[in-house]
Amino acid sequence: MNVSHASVHPVEDPPTTEGGNAPRVRMKDIQGMPATPGGLALRVSQFIFAVAALCVMATTSDFPSVTAFCFLVAAAGLQSLWSLSLAIVDIYALSVMRSLQNSRIVNLFTVGDGITSTLTFAAACASAGITVLIDNDLQSCSQNHCIQFETATAMAFISWFTALPSFLLNFWSLASR
C-alpha cells in the first residue's frame, strides 16, 4: 500500500491575497499607552497638575520651613520634567506614526513612571498630613497659607491620579511580553 504522508511530502500554505504574510501583533495599542492620543493626554495632564502644585506651593513664603512641603516641591518638579519629556516623545511618535512598544522603551517608561508616581504620592500624603496638622490640630490656619497648601496638595494628588494609569498600562504591557 503506497500512501503519501505529510511528513514525507510537506504541503505549503497557499499564498494570501493581501500581498504577503502580515507581521504578528502581540497586543493592540490601548489608549493611555505611550504613542497613543490617550497616553499623550495623560502626560499633558500629569504635567499641568504637577506644575500647578509646584507653582502654588513655591509661591508661599513659608513652605521652606516644612520638610514635607519642600519634598512636595521637589517631587512635583521631577514629575513635571518627566511628564514633559515623555509628552514630547509621545508627540514625536504620534507625528511620525511610530509605535513605542520596544521592550527597552517600555521598561524605561515603566520604571520612570513607577518612581515618579511613588514620589508624587508620598509627597502629597506628607503634605496632606502637615496641612491637616496645621488646620485641625494647631488651629493656626489664619497665620499660615492653608488654602495654598491645600490647593498644592490637591494638585499633587490629581497629578498622581493621572500618573498611576500610565504606570499600570506600561507595567501591564511589559508583563504581557
N, C-alpha and C. Protein backbone atom coordinates (compact mmCIF):
# COMPACT_ATOMS: atom_id res chain seq x y z
N MET A 1 0.83 -1.16 0.00
CA MET A 1 0.00 0.00 0.00
C MET A 1 0.88 1.24 0.00
N ASN A 2 0.78 2.03 -1.03
CA ASN A 2 1.55 3.27 -1.15
C ASN A 2 0.69 4.46 -0.75
N VAL A 3 0.90 4.96 0.46
CA VAL A 3 0.15 6.10 0.97
C VAL A 3 1.13 7.24 1.20
N SER A 4 0.77 8.40 0.77
CA SER A 4 1.61 9.58 0.95
C SER A 4 1.33 10.19 2.32
N HIS A 5 2.39 10.51 3.07
CA HIS A 5 2.28 11.13 4.38
C HIS A 5 2.76 12.58 4.30
N ALA A 6 2.20 13.40 5.16
CA ALA A 6 2.56 14.83 5.17
C ALA A 6 4.00 15.03 5.56
N SER A 7 4.55 14.15 6.38
CA SER A 7 5.94 14.31 6.77
C SER A 7 6.88 13.99 5.62
N VAL A 8 6.44 13.20 4.68
CA VAL A 8 7.27 12.87 3.52
C VAL A 8 7.11 13.94 2.46
N HIS A 9 5.89 14.38 2.24
CA HIS A 9 5.60 15.38 1.23
C HIS A 9 4.91 16.58 1.90
N PRO A 10 5.69 17.54 2.43
CA PRO A 10 5.06 18.67 3.13
C PRO A 10 4.25 19.53 2.17
N VAL A 11 3.17 20.05 2.69
CA VAL A 11 2.30 20.91 1.91
C VAL A 11 2.51 22.34 2.40
N GLU A 12 2.71 23.25 1.45
CA GLU A 12 2.91 24.65 1.82
C GLU A 12 1.57 25.35 1.96
N ASP A 13 1.60 26.43 2.74
CA ASP A 13 0.40 27.25 2.88
C ASP A 13 0.11 27.94 1.57
N PRO A 14 -1.15 28.05 1.21
CA PRO A 14 -1.46 28.80 -0.01
C PRO A 14 -1.13 30.26 0.19
N PRO A 15 -0.68 30.93 -0.86
CA PRO A 15 -0.35 32.35 -0.71
C PRO A 15 -1.59 33.17 -0.40
N THR A 16 -1.40 34.20 0.40
CA THR A 16 -2.51 35.08 0.75
C THR A 16 -2.74 36.08 -0.36
N THR A 17 -3.92 36.62 -0.40
CA THR A 17 -4.25 37.58 -1.45
C THR A 17 -3.88 39.01 -1.06
N GLU A 18 -3.47 39.24 0.20
CA GLU A 18 -3.12 40.59 0.63
C GLU A 18 -1.70 40.98 0.28
N GLY A 19 -0.97 40.15 -0.37
CA GLY A 19 0.38 40.52 -0.77
C GLY A 19 1.44 40.07 0.20
N GLY A 20 1.26 39.02 0.92
CA GLY A 20 2.29 38.52 1.82
C GLY A 20 1.74 38.30 3.21
N ASN A 21 2.57 37.73 4.03
CA ASN A 21 2.17 37.49 5.41
C ASN A 21 2.32 38.77 6.21
N ALA A 22 1.29 39.14 6.90
CA ALA A 22 1.32 40.34 7.74
C ALA A 22 2.08 40.02 9.03
N PRO A 23 2.82 40.99 9.57
CA PRO A 23 3.52 40.74 10.83
C PRO A 23 2.53 40.52 11.95
N ARG A 24 2.90 39.65 12.87
CA ARG A 24 2.04 39.36 14.00
C ARG A 24 2.10 40.50 15.00
N VAL A 25 0.98 40.81 15.55
CA VAL A 25 0.87 41.86 16.56
C VAL A 25 0.50 41.20 17.86
N ARG A 26 1.31 41.46 18.89
CA ARG A 26 1.06 40.82 20.18
C ARG A 26 -0.08 41.46 20.94
N MET A 27 -0.15 42.79 20.91
CA MET A 27 -1.17 43.46 21.70
C MET A 27 -1.52 44.76 21.01
N LYS A 28 -2.77 45.10 21.06
CA LYS A 28 -3.21 46.36 20.48
C LYS A 28 -2.73 47.52 21.33
N ASP A 29 -2.58 48.65 20.68
CA ASP A 29 -2.26 49.86 21.43
C ASP A 29 -3.50 50.34 22.15
N ILE A 30 -3.51 50.22 23.45
CA ILE A 30 -4.63 50.64 24.27
C ILE A 30 -4.43 52.12 24.59
N GLN A 31 -5.52 52.89 24.55
CA GLN A 31 -5.43 54.30 24.85
C GLN A 31 -4.88 54.49 26.26
N GLY A 32 -3.85 55.30 26.37
CA GLY A 32 -3.18 55.52 27.65
C GLY A 32 -1.76 55.02 27.60
N MET A 33 -1.46 54.14 26.65
CA MET A 33 -0.10 53.64 26.49
C MET A 33 0.72 54.68 25.73
N PRO A 34 2.04 54.57 25.76
CA PRO A 34 2.86 55.53 25.02
C PRO A 34 2.53 55.51 23.52
N ALA A 35 2.65 56.66 22.91
CA ALA A 35 2.43 56.87 21.47
C ALA A 35 0.97 56.69 21.07
N THR A 36 0.05 56.96 22.00
CA THR A 36 -1.37 56.98 21.69
C THR A 36 -1.91 58.35 22.11
N PRO A 37 -3.00 58.78 21.51
CA PRO A 37 -3.56 60.07 21.94
C PRO A 37 -3.97 60.07 23.42
N GLY A 38 -4.45 58.94 23.92
CA GLY A 38 -4.79 58.85 25.34
C GLY A 38 -3.56 58.97 26.23
N GLY A 39 -2.46 58.36 25.80
CA GLY A 39 -1.21 58.48 26.54
C GLY A 39 -0.70 59.90 26.57
N LEU A 40 -0.83 60.59 25.44
CA LEU A 40 -0.42 61.99 25.38
C LEU A 40 -1.30 62.84 26.30
N ALA A 41 -2.59 62.56 26.33
CA ALA A 41 -3.49 63.31 27.21
C ALA A 41 -3.13 63.08 28.68
N LEU A 42 -2.78 61.84 29.05
CA LEU A 42 -2.36 61.57 30.43
C LEU A 42 -1.07 62.32 30.76
N ARG A 43 -0.12 62.33 29.83
CA ARG A 43 1.16 63.02 30.08
C ARG A 43 0.96 64.53 30.24
N VAL A 44 0.12 65.09 29.39
CA VAL A 44 -0.11 66.53 29.46
C VAL A 44 -0.83 66.88 30.77
N SER A 45 -1.80 66.07 31.17
CA SER A 45 -2.49 66.36 32.43
C SER A 45 -1.56 66.16 33.63
N GLN A 46 -0.69 65.16 33.59
CA GLN A 46 0.30 64.99 34.65
C GLN A 46 1.16 66.24 34.76
N PHE A 47 1.61 66.72 33.62
CA PHE A 47 2.47 67.90 33.59
C PHE A 47 1.75 69.13 34.13
N ILE A 48 0.52 69.34 33.69
CA ILE A 48 -0.23 70.54 34.11
C ILE A 48 -0.47 70.53 35.61
N PHE A 49 -0.90 69.40 36.16
CA PHE A 49 -1.20 69.36 37.60
C PHE A 49 0.07 69.39 38.45
N ALA A 50 1.16 68.79 37.96
CA ALA A 50 2.42 68.86 38.70
C ALA A 50 2.97 70.28 38.71
N VAL A 51 2.87 70.97 37.59
CA VAL A 51 3.33 72.36 37.53
C VAL A 51 2.44 73.24 38.41
N ALA A 52 1.14 72.97 38.42
CA ALA A 52 0.24 73.74 39.28
C ALA A 52 0.59 73.54 40.75
N ALA A 53 0.85 72.30 41.15
CA ALA A 53 1.24 72.04 42.54
C ALA A 53 2.56 72.72 42.87
N LEU A 54 3.49 72.66 41.95
CA LEU A 54 4.80 73.27 42.15
C LEU A 54 4.67 74.78 42.29
N CYS A 55 3.94 75.41 41.39
CA CYS A 55 3.81 76.87 41.41
C CYS A 55 3.04 77.37 42.63
N VAL A 56 1.96 76.69 42.98
CA VAL A 56 1.17 77.14 44.14
C VAL A 56 1.98 77.01 45.42
N MET A 57 2.68 75.89 45.57
CA MET A 57 3.46 75.70 46.80
C MET A 57 4.68 76.63 46.83
N ALA A 58 5.31 76.83 45.69
CA ALA A 58 6.52 77.67 45.67
C ALA A 58 6.21 79.15 45.86
N THR A 59 4.98 79.56 45.60
CA THR A 59 4.64 80.98 45.79
C THR A 59 4.35 81.34 47.23
N THR A 60 4.19 80.36 48.10
CA THR A 60 4.00 80.68 49.52
C THR A 60 5.35 81.02 50.12
N SER A 61 5.33 81.91 51.07
CA SER A 61 6.60 82.38 51.64
C SER A 61 7.16 81.43 52.69
N ASP A 62 6.31 80.62 53.32
CA ASP A 62 6.80 79.79 54.42
C ASP A 62 6.86 78.30 54.09
N PHE A 63 6.86 77.91 52.82
CA PHE A 63 6.97 76.48 52.53
C PHE A 63 8.34 75.91 52.85
N PRO A 64 9.46 76.68 52.75
CA PRO A 64 10.75 76.06 53.08
C PRO A 64 10.91 75.67 54.54
N SER A 65 10.05 76.16 55.40
CA SER A 65 10.18 75.84 56.82
C SER A 65 9.66 74.44 57.16
N VAL A 66 8.93 73.80 56.24
CA VAL A 66 8.36 72.48 56.48
C VAL A 66 8.96 71.51 55.45
N THR A 67 9.55 70.44 55.94
CA THR A 67 10.24 69.48 55.07
C THR A 67 9.28 68.80 54.10
N ALA A 68 8.08 68.50 54.53
CA ALA A 68 7.12 67.84 53.65
C ALA A 68 6.74 68.73 52.47
N PHE A 69 6.67 70.03 52.68
CA PHE A 69 6.35 70.93 51.59
C PHE A 69 7.53 71.05 50.62
N CYS A 70 8.74 71.03 51.15
CA CYS A 70 9.92 71.01 50.27
C CYS A 70 9.96 69.73 49.44
N PHE A 71 9.58 68.61 50.06
CA PHE A 71 9.51 67.34 49.36
C PHE A 71 8.46 67.39 48.25
N LEU A 72 7.33 68.06 48.52
CA LEU A 72 6.30 68.20 47.50
C LEU A 72 6.80 69.02 46.31
N VAL A 73 7.52 70.08 46.59
CA VAL A 73 8.08 70.90 45.51
C VAL A 73 9.07 70.09 44.68
N ALA A 74 9.92 69.32 45.34
CA ALA A 74 10.90 68.51 44.61
C ALA A 74 10.22 67.41 43.79
N ALA A 75 9.25 66.73 44.39
CA ALA A 75 8.55 65.65 43.68
C ALA A 75 7.73 66.19 42.52
N ALA A 76 7.06 67.32 42.73
CA ALA A 76 6.27 67.92 41.63
C ALA A 76 7.18 68.41 40.52
N GLY A 77 8.35 68.92 40.87
CA GLY A 77 9.31 69.33 39.84
C GLY A 77 9.80 68.14 39.02
N LEU A 78 10.12 67.05 39.70
CA LEU A 78 10.56 65.84 38.99
C LEU A 78 9.43 65.27 38.14
N GLN A 79 8.21 65.24 38.68
CA GLN A 79 7.07 64.74 37.92
C GLN A 79 6.81 65.59 36.68
N SER A 80 6.93 66.90 36.82
CA SER A 80 6.67 67.76 35.67
C SER A 80 7.74 67.59 34.59
N LEU A 81 8.99 67.45 34.98
CA LEU A 81 10.05 67.24 33.99
C LEU A 81 9.89 65.89 33.29
N TRP A 82 9.58 64.84 34.05
CA TRP A 82 9.39 63.51 33.47
C TRP A 82 8.19 63.50 32.52
N SER A 83 7.10 64.09 32.95
CA SER A 83 5.90 64.09 32.12
C SER A 83 6.08 64.93 30.86
N LEU A 84 6.77 66.05 30.98
CA LEU A 84 7.02 66.88 29.81
C LEU A 84 7.90 66.16 28.80
N SER A 85 8.95 65.51 29.28
CA SER A 85 9.84 64.80 28.35
C SER A 85 9.12 63.65 27.66
N LEU A 86 8.28 62.92 28.39
CA LEU A 86 7.55 61.82 27.75
C LEU A 86 6.42 62.33 26.86
N ALA A 87 5.86 63.49 27.17
CA ALA A 87 4.86 64.09 26.28
C ALA A 87 5.51 64.48 24.95
N ILE A 88 6.72 64.99 25.01
CA ILE A 88 7.45 65.32 23.78
C ILE A 88 7.73 64.06 22.97
N VAL A 89 8.11 62.98 23.64
CA VAL A 89 8.34 61.71 22.94
C VAL A 89 7.03 61.20 22.33
N ASP A 90 5.92 61.32 23.05
CA ASP A 90 4.63 60.91 22.53
C ASP A 90 4.21 61.74 21.32
N ILE A 91 4.44 63.04 21.38
CA ILE A 91 4.11 63.91 20.25
C ILE A 91 4.92 63.51 19.02
N TYR A 92 6.20 63.24 19.22
CA TYR A 92 7.05 62.82 18.10
C TYR A 92 6.56 61.48 17.54
N ALA A 93 6.27 60.53 18.42
CA ALA A 93 5.84 59.21 17.96
C ALA A 93 4.50 59.29 17.24
N LEU A 94 3.61 60.13 17.70
CA LEU A 94 2.32 60.29 17.02
C LEU A 94 2.48 61.00 15.67
N SER A 95 3.41 61.96 15.60
CA SER A 95 3.57 62.69 14.35
C SER A 95 4.21 61.85 13.25
N VAL A 96 5.08 60.90 13.62
CA VAL A 96 5.69 60.03 12.61
C VAL A 96 5.03 58.66 12.57
N MET A 97 3.92 58.52 13.31
CA MET A 97 3.14 57.28 13.36
C MET A 97 4.02 56.08 13.71
N ARG A 98 4.70 56.20 14.82
CA ARG A 98 5.61 55.17 15.28
C ARG A 98 5.09 54.58 16.58
N SER A 99 5.19 53.28 16.73
CA SER A 99 4.78 52.62 17.95
C SER A 99 5.95 52.55 18.92
N LEU A 100 5.68 52.74 20.18
CA LEU A 100 6.72 52.69 21.20
C LEU A 100 6.60 51.41 22.02
N GLN A 101 6.47 50.28 21.37
CA GLN A 101 6.30 49.02 22.08
C GLN A 101 7.60 48.22 22.14
N ASN A 102 8.73 48.88 21.98
CA ASN A 102 10.03 48.24 22.17
C ASN A 102 10.19 47.93 23.66
N SER A 103 10.70 46.74 23.97
CA SER A 103 10.75 46.33 25.38
C SER A 103 11.66 47.23 26.21
N ARG A 104 12.72 47.76 25.64
CA ARG A 104 13.60 48.66 26.39
C ARG A 104 12.90 49.99 26.69
N ILE A 105 12.19 50.49 25.72
CA ILE A 105 11.48 51.76 25.91
C ILE A 105 10.37 51.58 26.94
N VAL A 106 9.61 50.49 26.82
CA VAL A 106 8.53 50.24 27.78
C VAL A 106 9.10 50.02 29.17
N ASN A 107 10.23 49.36 29.28
CA ASN A 107 10.89 49.15 30.57
C ASN A 107 11.30 50.49 31.18
N LEU A 108 11.89 51.37 30.38
CA LEU A 108 12.29 52.69 30.87
C LEU A 108 11.09 53.50 31.31
N PHE A 109 10.01 53.50 30.50
CA PHE A 109 8.81 54.23 30.86
C PHE A 109 8.19 53.68 32.14
N THR A 110 8.19 52.36 32.30
CA THR A 110 7.59 51.74 33.47
C THR A 110 8.35 52.11 34.74
N VAL A 111 9.66 51.99 34.69
CA VAL A 111 10.48 52.32 35.88
C VAL A 111 10.36 53.80 36.21
N GLY A 112 10.44 54.66 35.20
CA GLY A 112 10.33 56.10 35.44
C GLY A 112 8.97 56.49 35.98
N ASP A 113 7.90 55.92 35.40
CA ASP A 113 6.56 56.22 35.90
C ASP A 113 6.37 55.69 37.32
N GLY A 114 6.92 54.53 37.61
CA GLY A 114 6.81 53.97 38.96
C GLY A 114 7.50 54.84 39.99
N ILE A 115 8.69 55.30 39.67
CA ILE A 115 9.45 56.13 40.62
C ILE A 115 8.77 57.48 40.81
N THR A 116 8.43 58.15 39.71
CA THR A 116 7.84 59.49 39.85
C THR A 116 6.45 59.46 40.47
N SER A 117 5.65 58.45 40.14
CA SER A 117 4.32 58.41 40.75
C SER A 117 4.40 58.07 42.24
N THR A 118 5.34 57.21 42.62
CA THR A 118 5.51 56.90 44.05
C THR A 118 5.98 58.13 44.82
N LEU A 119 6.93 58.86 44.26
CA LEU A 119 7.41 60.08 44.93
C LEU A 119 6.30 61.13 45.02
N THR A 120 5.54 61.29 43.96
CA THR A 120 4.45 62.27 43.99
C THR A 120 3.39 61.89 45.02
N PHE A 121 3.04 60.61 45.08
CA PHE A 121 2.06 60.17 46.06
C PHE A 121 2.58 60.35 47.49
N ALA A 122 3.82 60.00 47.72
CA ALA A 122 4.39 60.16 49.07
C ALA A 122 4.45 61.63 49.48
N ALA A 123 4.83 62.49 48.55
CA ALA A 123 4.90 63.92 48.86
C ALA A 123 3.51 64.50 49.11
N ALA A 124 2.54 64.07 48.33
CA ALA A 124 1.17 64.56 48.53
C ALA A 124 0.62 64.09 49.87
N CYS A 125 0.89 62.85 50.24
CA CYS A 125 0.43 62.34 51.53
C CYS A 125 1.10 63.07 52.69
N ALA A 126 2.39 63.31 52.59
CA ALA A 126 3.10 64.03 53.65
C ALA A 126 2.58 65.46 53.78
N SER A 127 2.36 66.10 52.64
CA SER A 127 1.85 67.48 52.67
C SER A 127 0.42 67.52 53.21
N ALA A 128 -0.38 66.52 52.88
CA ALA A 128 -1.74 66.47 53.41
C ALA A 128 -1.71 66.31 54.92
N GLY A 129 -0.80 65.50 55.42
CA GLY A 129 -0.68 65.31 56.86
C GLY A 129 -0.30 66.60 57.58
N ILE A 130 0.63 67.33 57.02
CA ILE A 130 1.05 68.60 57.63
C ILE A 130 -0.07 69.63 57.54
N THR A 131 -0.78 69.64 56.42
CA THR A 131 -1.88 70.59 56.26
C THR A 131 -2.99 70.32 57.26
N VAL A 132 -3.31 69.05 57.47
CA VAL A 132 -4.31 68.70 58.49
C VAL A 132 -3.82 69.07 59.88
N LEU A 133 -2.55 68.86 60.13
CA LEU A 133 -1.98 69.25 61.43
C LEU A 133 -2.12 70.74 61.65
N ILE A 134 -1.78 71.54 60.67
CA ILE A 134 -1.85 73.00 60.82
C ILE A 134 -3.29 73.46 60.98
N ASP A 135 -4.18 72.89 60.16
CA ASP A 135 -5.57 73.36 60.15
C ASP A 135 -6.37 72.85 61.35
N ASN A 136 -6.40 71.56 61.55
CA ASN A 136 -7.28 70.98 62.57
C ASN A 136 -6.67 70.94 63.97
N ASP A 137 -5.41 70.56 64.06
CA ASP A 137 -4.82 70.32 65.37
C ASP A 137 -4.23 71.59 65.99
N LEU A 138 -3.54 72.37 65.21
CA LEU A 138 -2.91 73.57 65.76
C LEU A 138 -3.81 74.80 65.68
N GLN A 139 -4.86 74.72 64.88
CA GLN A 139 -5.80 75.83 64.71
C GLN A 139 -5.09 77.13 64.32
N SER A 140 -4.07 77.02 63.51
CA SER A 140 -3.31 78.22 63.13
C SER A 140 -3.35 78.46 61.62
N CYS A 141 -4.48 78.21 61.03
CA CYS A 141 -4.63 78.43 59.58
C CYS A 141 -4.62 79.92 59.25
N SER A 142 -5.05 80.74 60.18
CA SER A 142 -5.08 82.18 59.91
C SER A 142 -3.67 82.76 59.79
N GLN A 143 -2.69 82.12 60.44
CA GLN A 143 -1.32 82.60 60.39
C GLN A 143 -0.53 81.99 59.22
N ASN A 144 -1.05 80.94 58.62
CA ASN A 144 -0.34 80.25 57.53
C ASN A 144 -1.13 80.38 56.23
N HIS A 145 -0.57 79.80 55.20
CA HIS A 145 -1.19 79.81 53.87
C HIS A 145 -1.91 78.49 53.64
N CYS A 146 -2.92 78.20 54.45
CA CYS A 146 -3.58 76.89 54.37
C CYS A 146 -4.26 76.65 53.03
N ILE A 147 -4.87 77.67 52.47
CA ILE A 147 -5.56 77.49 51.19
C ILE A 147 -4.55 77.10 50.11
N GLN A 148 -3.40 77.74 50.09
CA GLN A 148 -2.37 77.39 49.11
C GLN A 148 -1.81 76.00 49.37
N PHE A 149 -1.60 75.65 50.64
CA PHE A 149 -1.10 74.31 50.96
C PHE A 149 -2.10 73.24 50.52
N GLU A 150 -3.37 73.48 50.80
CA GLU A 150 -4.39 72.51 50.41
C GLU A 150 -4.52 72.40 48.90
N THR A 151 -4.42 73.52 48.21
CA THR A 151 -4.51 73.52 46.75
C THR A 151 -3.34 72.78 46.13
N ALA A 152 -2.13 73.05 46.63
CA ALA A 152 -0.95 72.38 46.10
C ALA A 152 -1.01 70.88 46.37
N THR A 153 -1.49 70.50 47.54
CA THR A 153 -1.62 69.08 47.87
C THR A 153 -2.65 68.42 46.98
N ALA A 154 -3.78 69.08 46.74
CA ALA A 154 -4.80 68.53 45.85
C ALA A 154 -4.27 68.38 44.43
N MET A 155 -3.52 69.36 43.95
CA MET A 155 -2.94 69.27 42.60
C MET A 155 -1.94 68.12 42.51
N ALA A 156 -1.19 67.89 43.58
CA ALA A 156 -0.24 66.77 43.59
C ALA A 156 -0.98 65.43 43.56
N PHE A 157 -2.07 65.34 44.29
CA PHE A 157 -2.87 64.11 44.25
C PHE A 157 -3.47 63.87 42.87
N ILE A 158 -3.97 64.93 42.24
CA ILE A 158 -4.53 64.78 40.89
C ILE A 158 -3.44 64.39 39.91
N SER A 159 -2.25 64.95 40.06
CA SER A 159 -1.13 64.56 39.21
C SER A 159 -0.80 63.08 39.40
N TRP A 160 -0.87 62.62 40.65
CA TRP A 160 -0.63 61.19 40.90
C TRP A 160 -1.74 60.34 40.29
N PHE A 161 -2.99 60.80 40.39
CA PHE A 161 -4.10 60.04 39.80
C PHE A 161 -3.96 59.91 38.29
N THR A 162 -3.34 60.86 37.64
CA THR A 162 -3.12 60.75 36.20
C THR A 162 -1.83 60.00 35.87
N ALA A 163 -0.90 59.93 36.82
CA ALA A 163 0.33 59.18 36.58
C ALA A 163 0.14 57.69 36.81
N LEU A 164 -0.77 57.34 37.69
CA LEU A 164 -0.99 55.93 38.01
C LEU A 164 -1.46 55.11 36.80
N PRO A 165 -2.42 55.56 36.00
CA PRO A 165 -2.80 54.76 34.82
C PRO A 165 -1.64 54.56 33.84
N SER A 166 -0.81 55.58 33.68
CA SER A 166 0.35 55.44 32.79
C SER A 166 1.27 54.33 33.29
N PHE A 167 1.53 54.34 34.59
CA PHE A 167 2.39 53.30 35.15
C PHE A 167 1.76 51.92 35.00
N LEU A 168 0.49 51.81 35.34
CA LEU A 168 -0.17 50.50 35.28
C LEU A 168 -0.24 49.95 33.86
N LEU A 169 -0.54 50.80 32.89
CA LEU A 169 -0.60 50.35 31.50
C LEU A 169 0.78 49.95 30.98
N ASN A 170 1.81 50.71 31.33
CA ASN A 170 3.16 50.34 30.92
C ASN A 170 3.60 49.05 31.60
N PHE A 171 3.26 48.90 32.87
CA PHE A 171 3.62 47.68 33.59
C PHE A 171 2.90 46.48 33.00
N TRP A 172 1.64 46.65 32.64
CA TRP A 172 0.87 45.58 32.04
C TRP A 172 1.46 45.19 30.67
N SER A 173 1.84 46.21 29.89
CA SER A 173 2.46 45.95 28.59
C SER A 173 3.77 45.22 28.75
N LEU A 174 4.54 45.61 29.76
CA LEU A 174 5.83 44.95 29.99
C LEU A 174 5.63 43.52 30.48
N ALA A 175 4.64 43.30 31.34
CA ALA A 175 4.40 41.96 31.89
C ALA A 175 3.80 41.01 30.86
N SER A 176 3.11 41.54 29.85
CA SER A 176 2.48 40.69 28.86
C SER A 176 3.41 40.27 27.74
N ARG A 177 4.64 40.64 27.78
CA ARG A 177 5.59 40.25 26.73
C ARG A 177 6.08 38.85 26.94
